[in-house]
Amino acid sequence: MVFGSKDGRIFILNNKHKVNQIEKIDAEIFSVLINSKDEYIIYSNKSIYYNRKDYIPKKETNFYGKVRAKYTGKQLIEPDFIYLDRMNFIWFAYDEGEWGGNVYYFDLNKKEFIYDDWLRLDDGINYKDRNEYFTKLKEKYPEIIKVIEKDTVYKYPYSLGISSVTKGATYNNKGELFTTSSDVLNSIYATRNGFHYFVDGTIKKITNKDSDY
C-alpha cells in the first residue's frame, strides 16, 4: 500500500505492516493511484508525478480552477472525482453545478493530456444536415472515428458522453465499464430565483467494439 501526506511525503506499508517513507515531493498531495504494474502516480497541487517525473497541464483549464474563477489559479486544484482505468487513462472530473462539468484525461502510456474529448467541428459554420456534419467530422478525425458494419465507433476515450458531472466509474466481471453522471438528457430542469439546475442521474455502459475503439 502506498499513501501520501498533505506535506508531500510518500509512504509504503510493507508486508510486515511497517510504514516507511520512500520519497518526498515539494507539493500538497491530493491523490495516490496505483497502475497495473504496481507503480504509483501522485496527483498534487503542482503536477502529475510519475516515475520521478513531473507532468504539468496547460493553463486556462479546469486543472487550475472553474468557470467562474476563469482558471486564474496558479496551482492545480483537487478534482471532484479522479479515476485510473484499465486502459491507463487517469480521469479528472470537475463538477461546476449549474455550469455542468468537464472531464480531462492523462494518458499514462503516451504521457499526454487530453483536454477536449468531445469531438466536434468549429462553431459558426452551417451544414445541410447531420449526415454532412458527420462526414466532415470523420474527415477531421480519421484516426479517431471509424464505421464498423452499422456502428460508428470512437477511439477511447473520445466522445464517451460523460463530460457532465461524472461521479463514478467501475468495471464489472466482464470487463465492461460503467459510469455514473449527471446529464442533460431525460432530466428534470428547474428554475428558482434565477438559478437553473438539473435533477438527473445517468448510468452508461462503455464497451469495446474493435481493439481500443
Protein backbone atom coordinates (compact mmCIF):
# COMPACT_ATOMS: atom_id res chain seq x y z
CA MET A 1 0.00 0.00 0.00
CA VAL A 2 1.26 3.46 -0.95
CA PHE A 3 -0.14 6.66 0.53
CA GLY A 4 0.83 10.30 0.79
CA SER A 5 0.60 13.16 3.24
CA LYS A 6 -0.50 16.74 2.70
CA ASP A 7 3.08 17.94 3.07
CA GLY A 8 4.33 15.80 0.17
CA ARG A 9 5.71 12.75 1.92
CA ILE A 10 5.12 9.36 0.24
CA PHE A 11 4.92 6.22 2.37
CA ILE A 12 4.66 2.49 1.79
CA LEU A 13 3.06 -0.06 4.09
CA ASN A 14 5.09 -3.26 3.72
CA ASN A 15 4.13 -6.89 4.33
CA LYS A 16 5.26 -6.61 7.95
CA HIS A 17 2.76 -3.77 8.49
CA LYS A 18 5.54 -1.24 8.91
CA VAL A 19 5.27 2.24 7.41
CA ASN A 20 8.35 3.59 5.67
CA GLN A 21 8.82 6.91 3.91
CA ILE A 22 10.10 6.26 0.38
CA GLU A 23 10.10 9.75 -1.13
CA LYS A 24 9.13 13.37 -0.62
CA ILE A 25 7.92 15.92 -3.15
CA ASP A 26 7.57 19.67 -2.76
CA ALA A 27 3.79 19.75 -3.18
CA GLU A 28 0.47 19.06 -1.48
CA ILE A 29 -0.67 15.56 -2.41
CA PHE A 30 -4.30 15.13 -3.47
CA SER A 31 -4.38 11.50 -4.67
CA VAL A 32 -2.21 8.40 -4.95
CA LEU A 33 -3.08 5.95 -7.75
CA ILE A 34 -1.58 2.52 -8.49
CA ASN A 35 -1.43 1.13 -12.04
CA SER A 36 -1.37 -2.50 -13.20
CA LYS A 37 2.45 -2.57 -12.87
CA ASP A 38 2.23 -1.59 -9.19
CA GLU A 39 3.70 1.81 -10.00
CA TYR A 40 2.37 4.77 -8.07
CA ILE A 41 1.13 8.01 -9.62
CA ILE A 42 0.84 11.12 -7.48
CA TYR A 43 -1.58 13.92 -8.29
CA SER A 44 -0.69 17.07 -6.37
CA ASN A 45 -1.26 20.81 -6.49
CA LYS A 46 1.76 21.12 -8.80
CA SER A 47 1.79 18.17 -11.22
CA ILE A 48 1.16 14.56 -12.05
CA TYR A 49 4.24 12.87 -10.61
CA TYR A 50 5.01 9.53 -12.27
CA ASN A 51 8.28 7.56 -12.37
CA ARG A 52 10.06 10.53 -10.78
CA LYS A 53 8.97 12.95 -13.50
CA ASP A 54 6.50 15.85 -13.36
CA TYR A 55 3.77 16.31 -15.96
CA ILE A 56 2.06 19.70 -15.81
CA PRO A 57 -1.24 20.52 -17.57
CA LYS A 58 -1.62 23.69 -19.60
CA LYS A 59 -3.04 26.88 -18.15
CA GLU A 60 -6.64 28.07 -18.53
CA THR A 61 -8.11 24.62 -17.96
CA ASN A 62 -10.14 23.17 -15.10
CA PHE A 63 -6.92 21.90 -13.54
CA TYR A 64 -6.41 25.46 -12.30
CA GLY A 65 -9.94 26.44 -11.37
CA LYS A 66 -13.54 26.50 -12.55
CA VAL A 67 -15.64 28.61 -14.88
CA ARG A 68 -16.42 31.46 -12.52
CA ALA A 69 -12.80 31.64 -11.37
CA LYS A 70 -11.77 31.88 -15.05
CA TYR A 71 -8.98 29.36 -14.44
CA THR A 72 -6.84 32.06 -12.82
CA GLY A 73 -5.26 29.79 -10.22
CA LYS A 74 -1.51 29.29 -10.17
CA GLN A 75 -1.72 25.82 -8.66
CA LEU A 76 -3.72 22.74 -9.59
CA ILE A 77 -6.99 22.12 -7.76
CA GLU A 78 -8.34 18.85 -6.44
CA PRO A 79 -10.86 17.24 -8.85
CA ASP A 80 -14.31 16.19 -7.68
CA PHE A 81 -13.63 12.70 -8.99
CA ILE A 82 -10.40 11.00 -10.07
CA TYR A 83 -10.12 7.53 -11.59
CA LEU A 84 -7.45 5.33 -13.20
CA ASP A 85 -9.00 2.97 -15.74
CA ARG A 86 -7.69 -0.29 -17.21
CA MET A 87 -6.51 1.48 -20.36
CA ASN A 88 -4.08 3.58 -18.27
CA PHE A 89 -6.02 6.82 -18.59
CA ILE A 90 -6.46 8.97 -15.49
CA TRP A 91 -9.83 10.75 -15.42
CA PHE A 92 -10.13 14.17 -13.80
CA ALA A 93 -13.79 15.16 -13.38
CA TYR A 94 -14.85 18.63 -12.27
CA ASP A 95 -18.38 19.41 -11.06
CA GLU A 96 -19.45 23.00 -11.77
CA GLY A 97 -23.04 22.76 -10.61
CA GLU A 98 -25.25 24.97 -12.76
CA TRP A 99 -22.44 25.18 -15.32
CA GLY A 100 -22.22 21.42 -15.82
CA GLY A 101 -18.79 19.85 -15.67
CA ASN A 102 -15.74 18.68 -17.57
CA VAL A 103 -13.65 15.54 -17.71
CA TYR A 104 -9.99 15.65 -18.74
CA TYR A 105 -7.64 12.70 -19.18
CA PHE A 106 -3.97 11.93 -18.82
CA ASP A 107 -2.64 9.04 -20.91
CA LEU A 108 -0.01 7.25 -18.84
CA ASN A 109 1.23 5.34 -21.88
CA LYS A 110 1.88 8.39 -24.08
CA LYS A 111 2.38 10.86 -21.19
CA GLU A 112 -0.15 13.19 -22.80
CA PHE A 113 -3.12 15.21 -21.57
CA ILE A 114 -6.49 15.10 -23.36
CA TYR A 115 -8.37 18.34 -22.73
CA ASP A 116 -11.24 18.14 -25.22
CA ASP A 117 -12.51 14.58 -25.50
CA TRP A 118 -15.79 15.60 -27.19
CA LEU A 119 -15.18 15.66 -30.95
CA ARG A 120 -16.85 18.48 -32.83
CA LEU A 121 -16.35 20.87 -35.74
CA ASP A 122 -15.71 24.57 -35.48
CA ASP A 123 -18.62 26.75 -34.42
CA GLY A 124 -20.29 29.23 -36.76
CA ILE A 125 -20.44 27.00 -39.85
CA ASN A 126 -23.75 25.84 -41.32
CA TYR A 127 -24.23 22.31 -42.66
CA LYS A 128 -27.06 20.89 -44.76
CA ASP A 129 -27.89 18.09 -42.36
CA ARG A 130 -26.47 15.70 -39.77
CA ASN A 131 -25.02 13.42 -42.47
CA GLU A 132 -22.90 16.24 -43.90
CA TYR A 133 -21.78 17.25 -40.41
CA PHE A 134 -20.79 13.68 -39.52
CA THR A 135 -18.95 13.25 -42.85
CA LYS A 136 -16.91 16.38 -42.16
CA LEU A 137 -16.31 15.28 -38.58
CA LYS A 138 -14.97 11.91 -39.72
CA GLU A 139 -12.71 13.65 -42.26
CA LYS A 140 -11.32 15.86 -39.49
CA TYR A 141 -10.62 12.91 -37.16
CA PRO A 142 -9.84 9.93 -39.46
CA GLU A 143 -7.70 8.20 -36.81
CA ILE A 144 -10.33 8.56 -34.08
CA ILE A 145 -13.66 7.85 -35.81
CA LYS A 146 -14.48 4.84 -37.96
CA VAL A 147 -17.53 2.85 -39.07
CA ILE A 148 -17.76 -0.89 -38.41
CA GLU A 149 -20.73 -2.55 -40.15
CA LYS A 150 -23.61 -0.42 -38.82
CA ASP A 151 -21.77 1.02 -35.83
CA THR A 152 -19.88 4.28 -35.56
CA VAL A 153 -17.06 3.80 -33.07
CA TYR A 154 -14.64 6.22 -31.44
CA LYS A 155 -11.11 5.74 -30.22
CA TYR A 156 -11.01 5.54 -26.42
CA PRO A 157 -11.53 7.83 -24.50
CA TYR A 158 -13.01 10.25 -27.05
CA SER A 159 -16.74 11.11 -27.18
CA LEU A 160 -17.72 8.97 -24.20
CA GLY A 161 -20.51 11.40 -23.41
CA ILE A 162 -19.62 11.62 -19.73
CA SER A 163 -18.49 15.23 -19.51
CA SER A 164 -21.37 16.44 -17.36
CA VAL A 165 -20.50 15.94 -13.71
CA THR A 166 -19.06 12.43 -13.66
CA LYS A 167 -19.44 10.91 -10.18
CA GLY A 168 -18.19 7.36 -10.54
CA ALA A 169 -16.76 4.65 -12.79
CA THR A 170 -16.29 0.91 -12.31
CA TYR A 171 -15.84 -2.34 -14.23
CA ASN A 172 -17.91 -5.49 -13.91
CA ASN A 173 -16.52 -9.04 -14.10
CA LYS A 174 -16.95 -9.00 -17.90
CA GLY A 175 -14.64 -6.03 -18.30
CA GLU A 176 -17.47 -3.67 -19.21
CA LEU A 177 -17.06 -0.12 -17.96
CA PHE A 178 -19.96 1.67 -16.26
CA THR A 179 -20.06 5.39 -15.45
CA THR A 180 -22.48 7.45 -13.38
CA SER A 181 -23.03 11.12 -14.04
CA SER A 182 -25.49 13.92 -14.37
CA ASP A 183 -26.64 14.54 -17.92
CA VAL A 184 -28.81 16.92 -19.90
CA LEU A 185 -30.83 14.10 -21.44
CA ASN A 186 -34.03 12.79 -19.81
CA SER A 187 -33.60 15.18 -16.91
CA ILE A 188 -35.77 17.39 -14.78
CA TYR A 189 -34.98 21.06 -15.39
CA ALA A 190 -35.99 23.59 -12.76
CA THR A 191 -35.59 27.31 -12.19
CA ARG A 192 -35.81 29.04 -8.84
CA ASN A 193 -34.85 32.62 -8.08
CA GLY A 194 -32.92 32.83 -11.32
CA PHE A 195 -30.87 29.69 -10.60
CA HIS A 196 -31.09 26.86 -13.15
CA TYR A 197 -30.32 23.25 -12.34
CA PHE A 198 -30.88 19.67 -13.48
CA VAL A 199 -32.06 16.80 -11.30
CA ASP A 200 -30.84 13.72 -13.06
CA GLY A 201 -28.89 10.51 -12.71
CA THR A 202 -27.44 8.62 -15.65
CA ILE A 203 -25.67 5.25 -15.84
CA LYS A 204 -23.80 4.44 -19.04
CA LYS A 205 -22.12 1.27 -20.20
CA ILE A 206 -19.00 1.58 -22.35
CA THR A 207 -17.98 -1.49 -24.35
CA ASN A 208 -15.15 -2.24 -26.78
CA LYS A 209 -16.21 -2.82 -30.36
CA ASP A 210 -12.82 -3.09 -32.06
CA SER A 211 -9.41 -3.05 -30.36
CA ASP A 212 -9.23 0.27 -28.45
CA TYR A 213 -12.43 1.62 -30.03
